[in-house]
N, C-alpha and C. Protein backbone atom coordinates (compact mmCIF):
# COMPACT_ATOMS: atom_id res chain seq x y z
N MET A 1 14.43 3.89 -12.82
CA MET A 1 14.71 2.37 -12.69
C MET A 1 13.61 2.00 -11.40
N THR A 2 13.67 0.80 -11.63
CA THR A 2 12.48 0.39 -11.08
C THR A 2 12.91 -0.38 -9.51
N ILE A 3 12.34 -0.40 -8.70
CA ILE A 3 12.84 -1.30 -7.09
C ILE A 3 13.32 -2.29 -7.20
N LYS A 4 13.51 -3.44 -6.55
CA LYS A 4 14.49 -4.87 -6.62
C LYS A 4 14.46 -5.40 -5.20
N VAL A 5 13.84 -6.93 -5.06
CA VAL A 5 14.39 -7.33 -4.20
C VAL A 5 16.35 -6.87 -3.63
N GLY A 6 16.50 -6.48 -2.58
CA GLY A 6 17.52 -6.25 -1.92
C GLY A 6 17.35 -4.35 -1.88
N ASP A 7 17.10 -3.54 -2.67
CA ASP A 7 17.26 -2.39 -2.30
C ASP A 7 16.57 -2.06 -0.93
N ARG A 8 16.41 -0.79 -0.57
CA ARG A 8 16.43 -0.27 0.28
C ARG A 8 14.86 0.74 0.05
N VAL A 9 13.69 0.91 0.15
CA VAL A 9 12.96 2.10 -0.49
C VAL A 9 12.96 3.45 -0.38
N PRO A 10 12.85 3.69 -1.05
CA PRO A 10 12.82 5.08 -0.95
C PRO A 10 12.41 5.88 -0.01
N ASP A 11 12.99 7.59 0.75
CA ASP A 11 12.07 7.88 1.55
C ASP A 11 10.87 8.77 0.63
N GLY A 12 9.94 8.98 1.48
CA GLY A 12 8.62 9.92 0.93
C GLY A 12 7.67 10.26 1.82
N THR A 13 6.76 10.80 1.58
CA THR A 13 5.38 11.47 2.33
C THR A 13 4.33 10.66 1.90
N LEU A 14 4.09 9.92 2.57
CA LEU A 14 2.62 9.02 2.57
C LEU A 14 1.22 9.58 4.00
N THR A 15 0.43 10.14 2.98
CA THR A 15 -0.73 10.39 4.30
C THR A 15 -1.93 9.17 4.24
N GLU A 16 -2.32 9.79 5.90
CA GLU A 16 -3.81 8.64 6.29
C GLU A 16 -4.47 9.03 6.68
N PHE A 17 -5.79 9.46 6.72
CA PHE A 17 -6.52 9.77 6.36
C PHE A 17 -7.28 9.46 8.44
N ILE A 18 -6.88 10.05 9.63
CA ILE A 18 -7.51 9.52 10.79
C ILE A 18 -8.52 9.49 11.15
N ALA A 19 -9.71 8.96 11.38
CA ALA A 19 -10.98 9.35 12.05
C ALA A 19 -11.31 9.07 12.74
N VAL A 20 -9.92 9.02 13.85
CA VAL A 20 -10.01 9.24 15.82
C VAL A 20 -8.72 10.00 16.18
N GLU A 21 -8.97 10.61 16.78
CA GLU A 21 -7.53 11.49 17.21
C GLU A 21 -7.01 10.99 18.15
N THR A 22 -6.08 10.88 17.90
CA THR A 22 -4.83 10.20 19.08
C THR A 22 -3.91 11.88 19.62
N GLU A 23 -3.13 11.15 20.60
CA GLU A 23 -1.91 11.76 20.38
C GLU A 23 -0.96 12.05 19.42
N GLY A 24 -0.35 12.61 18.98
CA GLY A 24 0.08 12.71 17.43
C GLY A 24 -0.34 12.82 16.69
N CYS A 25 -1.60 12.77 16.25
CA CYS A 25 -2.57 12.29 15.15
C CYS A 25 -3.66 13.07 15.28
N SER A 26 -3.90 13.99 14.96
CA SER A 26 -4.99 14.93 14.54
C SER A 26 -5.73 14.47 13.78
N LEU A 27 -7.74 13.92 13.64
CA LEU A 27 -8.30 13.84 12.62
C LEU A 27 -7.57 14.89 11.45
N GLY A 28 -8.08 13.69 10.44
CA GLY A 28 -8.12 14.17 8.59
C GLY A 28 -6.29 13.66 8.42
N PRO A 29 -6.17 14.55 7.43
CA PRO A 29 -5.20 13.78 6.57
C PRO A 29 -3.69 13.99 7.86
N ASN A 30 -3.37 13.33 7.63
CA ASN A 30 -1.76 13.13 8.88
C ASN A 30 -0.59 12.72 7.65
N ALA A 31 0.39 13.61 7.25
CA ALA A 31 1.63 13.19 6.77
C ALA A 31 2.70 11.73 8.04
N PHE A 32 3.11 10.96 6.81
CA PHE A 32 4.15 10.48 7.42
C PHE A 32 5.26 9.96 6.66
N GLN A 33 6.31 10.08 7.45
CA GLN A 33 7.66 9.76 6.42
C GLN A 33 7.74 8.11 6.56
N VAL A 34 7.89 7.65 5.18
CA VAL A 34 8.45 6.02 4.66
C VAL A 34 9.38 5.99 5.89
N ALA A 35 10.30 6.61 5.95
CA ALA A 35 11.78 6.61 6.52
C ALA A 35 11.17 5.69 8.25
N ASP A 36 10.22 6.69 8.68
CA ASP A 36 10.51 6.62 10.14
C ASP A 36 9.56 5.09 10.45
N LEU A 37 8.18 5.07 9.17
CA LEU A 37 7.56 4.38 9.36
C LEU A 37 8.15 2.42 9.78
N VAL A 38 8.98 2.49 8.19
CA VAL A 38 9.64 1.24 8.49
C VAL A 38 10.89 1.04 8.82
N LYS A 39 10.98 1.89 9.81
CA LYS A 39 12.57 1.46 10.83
C LYS A 39 11.98 0.43 11.58
N GLY A 40 12.57 -0.43 11.61
CA GLY A 40 12.43 -1.60 12.71
C GLY A 40 11.19 -2.49 12.73
N LYS A 41 10.55 -2.33 11.17
CA LYS A 41 9.59 -3.42 11.41
C LYS A 41 9.19 -3.94 9.95
N LYS A 42 8.72 -5.83 10.07
CA LYS A 42 8.39 -5.90 8.88
C LYS A 42 6.89 -5.87 8.25
N ILE A 43 6.89 -5.00 7.20
CA ILE A 43 5.37 -4.73 6.56
C ILE A 43 5.02 -5.21 5.05
N ALA A 44 3.90 -6.00 4.85
CA ALA A 44 3.18 -5.84 3.68
C ALA A 44 2.53 -5.20 3.13
N VAL A 45 3.01 -4.25 2.00
CA VAL A 45 2.38 -3.53 1.26
C VAL A 45 2.13 -4.14 0.12
N PHE A 46 0.56 -3.31 -0.23
CA PHE A 46 0.15 -4.29 -1.63
C PHE A 46 0.10 -2.63 -1.60
N ALA A 47 0.23 -2.69 -3.79
CA ALA A 47 -0.69 -1.40 -3.90
C ALA A 47 -1.56 -1.51 -4.84
N VAL A 48 -2.99 -0.26 -5.56
CA VAL A 48 -3.52 -0.33 -6.53
C VAL A 48 -3.31 0.51 -7.29
N PRO A 49 -4.10 0.25 -7.95
CA PRO A 49 -4.08 1.84 -9.40
C PRO A 49 -4.85 2.72 -9.00
N GLY A 50 -6.22 2.23 -8.14
CA GLY A 50 -7.01 2.94 -7.63
C GLY A 50 -7.77 2.54 -6.57
N ALA A 51 -8.29 3.74 -5.78
CA ALA A 51 -8.74 3.19 -4.24
C ALA A 51 -10.41 3.30 -5.35
N PHE A 52 -11.54 2.43 -4.74
CA PHE A 52 -12.72 2.11 -4.69
C PHE A 52 -13.19 1.46 -6.54
N THR A 53 -12.30 1.10 -6.79
CA THR A 53 -12.04 0.22 -8.10
C THR A 53 -12.05 -0.78 -8.30
N PRO A 54 -12.62 -1.51 -9.77
CA PRO A 54 -13.82 -2.99 -8.99
C PRO A 54 -12.49 -4.18 -8.46
N THR A 55 -11.72 -4.44 -8.92
CA THR A 55 -10.73 -5.73 -8.89
C THR A 55 -10.02 -5.13 -7.49
N CYS A 56 -9.27 -3.65 -7.12
CA CYS A 56 -9.08 -3.50 -5.81
C CYS A 56 -10.06 -3.74 -4.65
N SER A 57 -11.06 -3.83 -5.17
CA SER A 57 -12.26 -3.48 -3.78
C SER A 57 -12.74 -4.56 -3.89
N ALA A 58 -12.85 -5.50 -4.57
CA ALA A 58 -13.31 -7.14 -4.28
C ALA A 58 -12.67 -7.96 -4.41
N LYS A 59 -11.47 -7.21 -5.03
CA LYS A 59 -10.14 -8.47 -4.20
C LYS A 59 -9.04 -8.04 -3.38
N HIS A 60 -8.68 -7.34 -4.19
CA HIS A 60 -7.13 -7.02 -3.64
C HIS A 60 -6.83 -7.07 -1.98
N VAL A 61 -7.62 -5.52 -1.09
CA VAL A 61 -8.49 -5.27 -0.45
C VAL A 61 -8.46 -6.07 0.91
N PRO A 62 -9.94 -7.01 -0.05
CA PRO A 62 -10.57 -8.01 0.78
C PRO A 62 -9.61 -9.02 1.11
N SER A 63 -8.27 -9.62 0.01
CA SER A 63 -7.54 -10.91 0.13
C SER A 63 -6.52 -10.35 1.64
N TYR A 64 -6.50 -8.92 1.71
CA TYR A 64 -5.14 -8.42 2.73
C TYR A 64 -5.99 -8.62 4.37
N LEU A 65 -6.92 -8.09 4.38
CA LEU A 65 -7.96 -8.72 5.54
C LEU A 65 -8.09 -9.65 6.06
N GLN A 66 -8.43 -10.19 5.30
CA GLN A 66 -9.15 -12.18 5.18
C GLN A 66 -7.57 -12.63 5.29
N ASN A 67 -6.68 -11.60 5.24
CA ASN A 67 -5.23 -13.02 5.49
C ASN A 67 -4.56 -12.20 6.58
N HIS A 68 -5.19 -11.07 7.46
CA HIS A 68 -5.19 -9.94 8.53
C HIS A 68 -3.64 -11.09 9.99
N ASP A 69 -4.91 -11.82 10.42
CA ASP A 69 -4.02 -12.50 11.04
C ASP A 69 -2.80 -13.80 10.76
N ALA A 70 -3.12 -14.19 9.54
CA ALA A 70 -2.16 -15.38 9.39
C ALA A 70 -0.69 -14.47 9.22
N LEU A 71 -1.21 -13.24 8.58
CA LEU A 71 0.34 -12.43 7.68
C LEU A 71 0.61 -12.13 9.44
N LYS A 72 0.02 -11.47 9.93
CA LYS A 72 0.94 -11.43 11.83
C LYS A 72 1.30 -12.67 12.16
N ALA A 73 0.76 -13.62 11.96
CA ALA A 73 1.20 -14.81 12.68
C ALA A 73 2.50 -14.95 12.22
N LYS A 74 2.69 -14.37 10.40
CA LYS A 74 3.97 -14.52 10.32
C LYS A 74 4.99 -13.71 9.98
N GLY A 75 4.69 -12.84 11.48
CA GLY A 75 5.92 -11.74 11.63
C GLY A 75 5.59 -10.12 11.10
N VAL A 76 4.62 -10.42 10.77
CA VAL A 76 4.26 -9.28 10.04
C VAL A 76 3.74 -7.95 10.78
N ASP A 77 4.22 -7.20 11.09
CA ASP A 77 3.82 -5.62 12.33
C ASP A 77 2.69 -4.79 11.42
N GLU A 78 2.72 -4.65 10.28
CA GLU A 78 2.04 -3.93 9.89
C GLU A 78 1.28 -4.20 8.01
N ILE A 79 0.19 -4.02 7.86
CA ILE A 79 -0.36 -3.81 6.83
C ILE A 79 -0.43 -2.65 6.06
N TRP A 80 0.13 -2.21 4.69
CA TRP A 80 -0.55 -1.21 3.91
C TRP A 80 -1.03 -1.20 2.65
N CYS A 81 -2.35 -0.42 2.39
CA CYS A 81 -2.72 -0.39 1.15
C CYS A 81 -2.23 0.92 0.93
N VAL A 82 -1.36 0.95 -0.73
CA VAL A 82 -1.18 2.26 -1.15
C VAL A 82 -1.82 2.83 -2.44
N ALA A 83 -2.02 4.28 -2.54
CA ALA A 83 -2.78 4.08 -3.94
C ALA A 83 -2.13 5.73 -4.05
N THR A 84 -2.58 6.09 -5.55
CA THR A 84 -2.31 7.27 -5.99
C THR A 84 -3.47 8.40 -5.82
N ASN A 85 -3.59 8.35 -4.60
CA ASN A 85 -5.34 8.93 -4.04
C ASN A 85 -4.62 10.11 -3.41
N ASP A 86 -5.85 11.09 -3.03
CA ASP A 86 -5.79 11.69 -1.66
C ASP A 86 -6.04 11.19 -0.54
N ALA A 87 -5.62 11.66 0.42
CA ALA A 87 -5.66 10.79 1.80
C ALA A 87 -7.85 10.41 2.39
N PHE A 88 -8.07 11.82 1.41
CA PHE A 88 -9.79 11.80 2.42
C PHE A 88 -10.45 10.45 1.43
N VAL A 89 -9.68 10.60 -0.21
CA VAL A 89 -10.31 9.39 -0.77
C VAL A 89 -9.92 7.90 0.06
N MET A 90 -9.12 8.00 0.06
CA MET A 90 -8.72 6.76 1.30
C MET A 90 -8.95 6.50 1.97
N GLY A 91 -9.33 7.58 3.21
CA GLY A 91 -9.94 7.13 4.13
C GLY A 91 -11.39 7.16 4.06
N ALA A 92 -12.28 7.45 2.99
CA ALA A 92 -13.58 6.96 2.93
C ALA A 92 -13.28 5.67 2.23
N TRP A 93 -11.86 4.52 1.66
CA TRP A 93 -12.67 3.75 1.11
C TRP A 93 -12.28 2.95 2.12
N ALA A 94 -11.30 3.18 2.78
CA ALA A 94 -11.64 2.54 4.63
C ALA A 94 -12.27 2.00 4.78
N LYS A 95 -13.33 3.13 5.42
CA LYS A 95 -14.57 3.15 6.22
C LYS A 95 -15.00 2.29 5.31
N ASP A 96 -14.89 2.25 4.40
CA ASP A 96 -16.07 1.15 2.76
C ASP A 96 -15.51 -0.20 3.00
N GLN A 97 -13.88 -0.46 3.53
CA GLN A 97 -13.84 -1.76 3.45
C GLN A 97 -13.88 -2.52 4.74
N GLY A 98 -13.95 -1.47 5.73
CA GLY A 98 -13.71 -2.28 6.84
C GLY A 98 -12.62 -2.29 7.54
N SER A 99 -11.04 -2.03 6.82
CA SER A 99 -10.01 -1.86 7.03
C SER A 99 -9.32 -1.00 8.51
N GLN A 100 -9.74 -0.32 8.98
CA GLN A 100 -9.60 -0.05 10.74
C GLN A 100 -9.67 -0.94 10.98
N GLY A 101 -7.72 -0.85 11.91
CA GLY A 101 -7.28 -1.38 12.55
C GLY A 101 -6.58 -2.76 11.99
N LYS A 102 -6.89 -3.12 10.80
CA LYS A 102 -6.23 -3.93 9.85
C LYS A 102 -5.18 -3.68 8.69
N VAL A 103 -5.52 -2.50 7.71
CA VAL A 103 -4.67 -2.35 6.94
C VAL A 103 -4.73 -1.17 6.47
N ARG A 104 -3.36 -0.08 6.81
CA ARG A 104 -3.22 1.42 6.70
C ARG A 104 -3.60 1.35 5.47
N MET A 105 -4.61 2.51 4.88
CA MET A 105 -4.90 2.58 3.77
C MET A 105 -4.20 4.13 3.14
N LEU A 106 -2.87 4.54 2.99
CA LEU A 106 -1.96 5.04 2.92
C LEU A 106 -1.91 5.85 1.48
N ALA A 107 -2.20 6.88 1.06
CA ALA A 107 -2.26 7.72 -0.09
C ALA A 107 -0.92 8.31 -0.10
N ASP A 108 -0.67 8.50 -1.35
CA ASP A 108 0.44 8.74 -2.37
C ASP A 108 -0.33 9.70 -3.46
N GLY A 109 -0.91 11.18 -3.20
CA GLY A 109 -1.67 11.60 -4.25
C GLY A 109 -1.29 12.25 -5.74
N SER A 110 0.16 13.07 -5.49
CA SER A 110 0.61 13.30 -6.50
C SER A 110 1.67 12.27 -6.74
N ALA A 111 1.93 11.20 -6.46
CA ALA A 111 3.06 9.19 -7.14
C ALA A 111 4.39 9.95 -6.63
N LYS A 112 4.55 10.77 -5.96
CA LYS A 112 5.67 10.87 -5.72
C LYS A 112 6.90 9.37 -5.18
N TRP A 113 6.16 9.40 -3.93
CA TRP A 113 6.78 7.63 -3.70
C TRP A 113 6.68 6.27 -4.39
N THR A 114 5.97 6.45 -5.09
CA THR A 114 5.74 5.12 -6.54
C THR A 114 6.32 5.65 -7.60
N LYS A 115 5.74 6.68 -7.67
CA LYS A 115 8.20 7.13 -9.34
C LYS A 115 9.02 6.45 -8.01
N ALA A 116 9.19 7.06 -7.21
CA ALA A 116 10.35 6.68 -6.80
C ALA A 116 11.32 5.62 -6.68
N LEU A 117 10.24 4.68 -6.83
CA LEU A 117 9.55 3.01 -6.49
C LEU A 117 9.87 2.41 -7.83
N GLY A 118 9.99 3.50 -8.74
CA GLY A 118 9.76 3.35 -10.40
C GLY A 118 8.75 1.82 -10.57
N LEU A 119 7.18 2.00 -9.74
CA LEU A 119 6.62 1.80 -10.28
C LEU A 119 5.51 2.05 -10.29
N GLU A 120 5.61 3.94 -11.22
CA GLU A 120 4.07 4.06 -11.73
C GLU A 120 3.67 3.53 -13.39
N PHE A 121 2.34 4.16 -13.32
CA PHE A 121 2.22 3.90 -15.00
C PHE A 121 1.09 4.77 -14.93
N ASP A 122 1.02 5.63 -16.29
CA ASP A 122 0.80 7.29 -16.68
C ASP A 122 -0.60 6.45 -17.90
N LEU A 123 -1.96 6.78 -16.91
CA LEU A 123 -3.27 6.61 -17.57
C LEU A 123 -3.55 8.34 -17.99
N THR A 124 -3.00 9.31 -18.26
CA THR A 124 -3.48 10.47 -18.52
C THR A 124 -4.29 10.16 -19.63
N GLU A 125 -4.05 9.52 -20.52
CA GLU A 125 -4.37 9.56 -21.92
C GLU A 125 -6.32 9.35 -21.61
N ARG A 126 -6.24 8.02 -20.85
CA ARG A 126 -7.60 7.17 -20.28
C ARG A 126 -8.69 8.47 -19.10
N GLY A 127 -7.44 9.95 -18.81
CA GLY A 127 -8.47 10.52 -18.46
C GLY A 127 -8.03 10.13 -16.79
N MET A 128 -6.91 9.07 -15.94
CA MET A 128 -6.88 8.70 -14.24
C MET A 128 -5.34 9.62 -13.96
N GLY A 129 -4.50 10.16 -14.96
CA GLY A 129 -3.15 10.93 -14.63
C GLY A 129 -2.46 9.66 -14.18
N VAL A 130 -1.37 10.13 -13.43
CA VAL A 130 -0.17 8.78 -13.11
C VAL A 130 -0.56 7.71 -12.11
N ARG A 131 -0.77 6.98 -12.15
CA ARG A 131 -1.14 5.44 -10.99
C ARG A 131 -0.07 4.22 -10.52
N SER A 132 -0.55 3.90 -10.18
CA SER A 132 0.53 2.45 -9.41
C SER A 132 0.19 1.47 -10.06
N GLN A 133 0.87 0.77 -10.21
CA GLN A 133 0.79 -0.40 -10.48
C GLN A 133 0.52 -1.39 -9.24
N ARG A 134 -0.13 -2.07 -9.74
CA ARG A 134 -0.52 -3.52 -8.64
C ARG A 134 0.57 -4.29 -8.95
N TYR A 135 0.98 -4.38 -7.18
CA TYR A 135 2.19 -5.16 -7.04
C TYR A 135 1.72 -5.29 -4.78
N SER A 136 3.26 -6.17 -5.28
CA SER A 136 2.42 -5.95 -3.46
C SER A 136 4.60 -6.16 -3.26
N MET A 137 4.83 -6.55 -1.27
CA MET A 137 6.25 -6.10 -1.32
C MET A 137 6.35 -6.47 0.05
N LEU A 138 7.36 -7.29 0.65
CA LEU A 138 7.39 -6.95 2.03
C LEU A 138 8.63 -6.48 1.88
N LEU A 139 8.17 -5.86 3.29
CA LEU A 139 9.90 -4.85 3.72
C LEU A 139 10.34 -5.26 4.82
N ASP A 140 11.24 -5.84 5.26
CA ASP A 140 11.97 -5.65 6.71
C ASP A 140 13.01 -4.43 6.55
N ASP A 141 13.03 -3.44 7.93
CA ASP A 141 13.38 -2.35 8.26
C ASP A 141 13.79 -1.79 7.19
N GLY A 142 12.86 -1.56 6.00
CA GLY A 142 12.83 -0.40 4.99
C GLY A 142 13.96 -1.69 3.59
N ALA A 143 14.38 -2.93 3.80
CA ALA A 143 14.81 -2.96 2.95
C ALA A 143 13.50 -3.96 1.96
N VAL A 144 13.52 -4.84 1.01
CA VAL A 144 13.11 -5.16 -0.08
C VAL A 144 13.72 -6.79 0.03
N LYS A 145 12.72 -7.27 0.68
CA LYS A 145 13.01 -8.78 0.59
C LYS A 145 12.02 -9.91 -0.41
N VAL A 146 10.60 -9.23 -0.79
CA VAL A 146 9.39 -9.86 -1.42
C VAL A 146 9.00 -8.80 -2.76
N LEU A 147 8.91 -9.03 -4.08
CA LEU A 147 8.87 -8.24 -4.02
C LEU A 147 7.82 -8.73 -5.47
N ASN A 148 6.66 -8.64 -6.06
CA ASN A 148 5.90 -8.86 -7.12
C ASN A 148 4.64 -7.91 -7.85
N VAL A 149 5.55 -7.56 -8.98
CA VAL A 149 4.56 -7.25 -9.72
C VAL A 149 4.37 -7.25 -10.59
N GLU A 150 2.56 -7.17 -10.71
CA GLU A 150 1.52 -7.75 -12.14
C GLU A 150 1.45 -6.91 -13.29
N ALA A 151 1.05 -8.08 -14.62
CA ALA A 151 1.32 -7.46 -15.57
C ALA A 151 0.84 -6.67 -15.34
N PRO A 152 0.27 -5.30 -16.82
CA PRO A 152 -0.97 -4.49 -16.46
C PRO A 152 -1.81 -5.38 -16.70
N GLY A 153 -2.92 -4.64 -15.81
CA GLY A 153 -4.56 -5.24 -16.01
C GLY A 153 -4.44 -6.92 -15.41
N LYS A 154 -3.61 -7.10 -14.80
CA LYS A 154 -3.59 -8.46 -13.88
C LYS A 154 -3.74 -8.65 -12.26
N TYR A 155 -4.27 -9.85 -12.00
CA TYR A 155 -4.45 -9.61 -10.72
C TYR A 155 -4.09 -10.59 -10.15
N GLU A 156 -2.97 -11.33 -10.23
CA GLU A 156 -2.72 -13.05 -10.28
C GLU A 156 -1.70 -12.80 -9.09
N ILE A 157 -1.12 -12.48 -8.55
CA ILE A 157 0.68 -12.26 -7.61
C ILE A 157 1.22 -10.91 -6.75
N SER A 158 -0.15 -10.58 -6.76
CA SER A 158 0.16 -9.76 -5.69
C SER A 158 -0.92 -9.65 -4.76
N ASP A 159 -1.60 -10.94 -4.45
CA ASP A 159 -2.29 -11.23 -3.16
C ASP A 159 -1.67 -11.09 -2.06
N ALA A 160 -2.57 -11.43 -0.86
CA ALA A 160 -2.08 -11.80 0.51
C ALA A 160 -1.72 -12.74 0.44
N GLU A 161 -2.89 -14.15 -0.46
CA GLU A 161 -2.21 -15.90 -0.77
C GLU A 161 -0.99 -15.76 -0.67
N THR A 162 -0.83 -15.49 -2.27
CA THR A 162 0.97 -15.43 -2.29
C THR A 162 1.95 -14.73 -1.56
N LEU A 163 1.71 -13.84 -1.03
CA LEU A 163 3.00 -12.80 -0.22
C LEU A 163 2.95 -14.48 1.02
N LEU A 164 1.99 -14.30 1.95
CA LEU A 164 2.02 -15.13 2.64
C LEU A 164 3.01 -16.39 2.46
N LYS A 165 2.61 -17.11 1.34
CA LYS A 165 3.51 -18.46 0.83
C LYS A 165 5.37 -18.11 0.23
N GLN A 166 5.20 -17.00 0.44
CA GLN A 166 6.48 -16.46 0.14
C GLN A 166 7.18 -16.13 1.84
N LEU A 167 7.09 -16.04 2.48
CA LEU A 167 7.29 -15.53 3.89
C LEU A 167 7.42 -16.85 4.94
């Protein structure tokens, strides 16, 4: 069953590659519980089928980087990019995209959280395994306030500009 506006996001574990060690976060992949991350925060989440893919790298991530300040001005505490890649790939992509300090690149390597949301699609026959559908959503303390799920192969409603208009 696909998550919908009004639902609470399921708990799960997402990992993030930490490039600079800080108190509480060691260098390398760190696991975070979604329930802890969303508590008391407004979070703009967007998901992509895969890191380093053409539309994701050329359009989707850049739209959120370019609109970072505008989203923050509308009360968004954090911006997340979620993909069904591992934390090492997401860390390399974060470096490539220059997203540090603006967009958290969170890995759902086994697609467990994506499946719990009901937003997965299976590309096994094309050699790519289970991926995430392309979407954006606004979470407020873990509740879905806005959800924009793209049709397969499309990039029309999950960009930062659309989400900004919905805030």
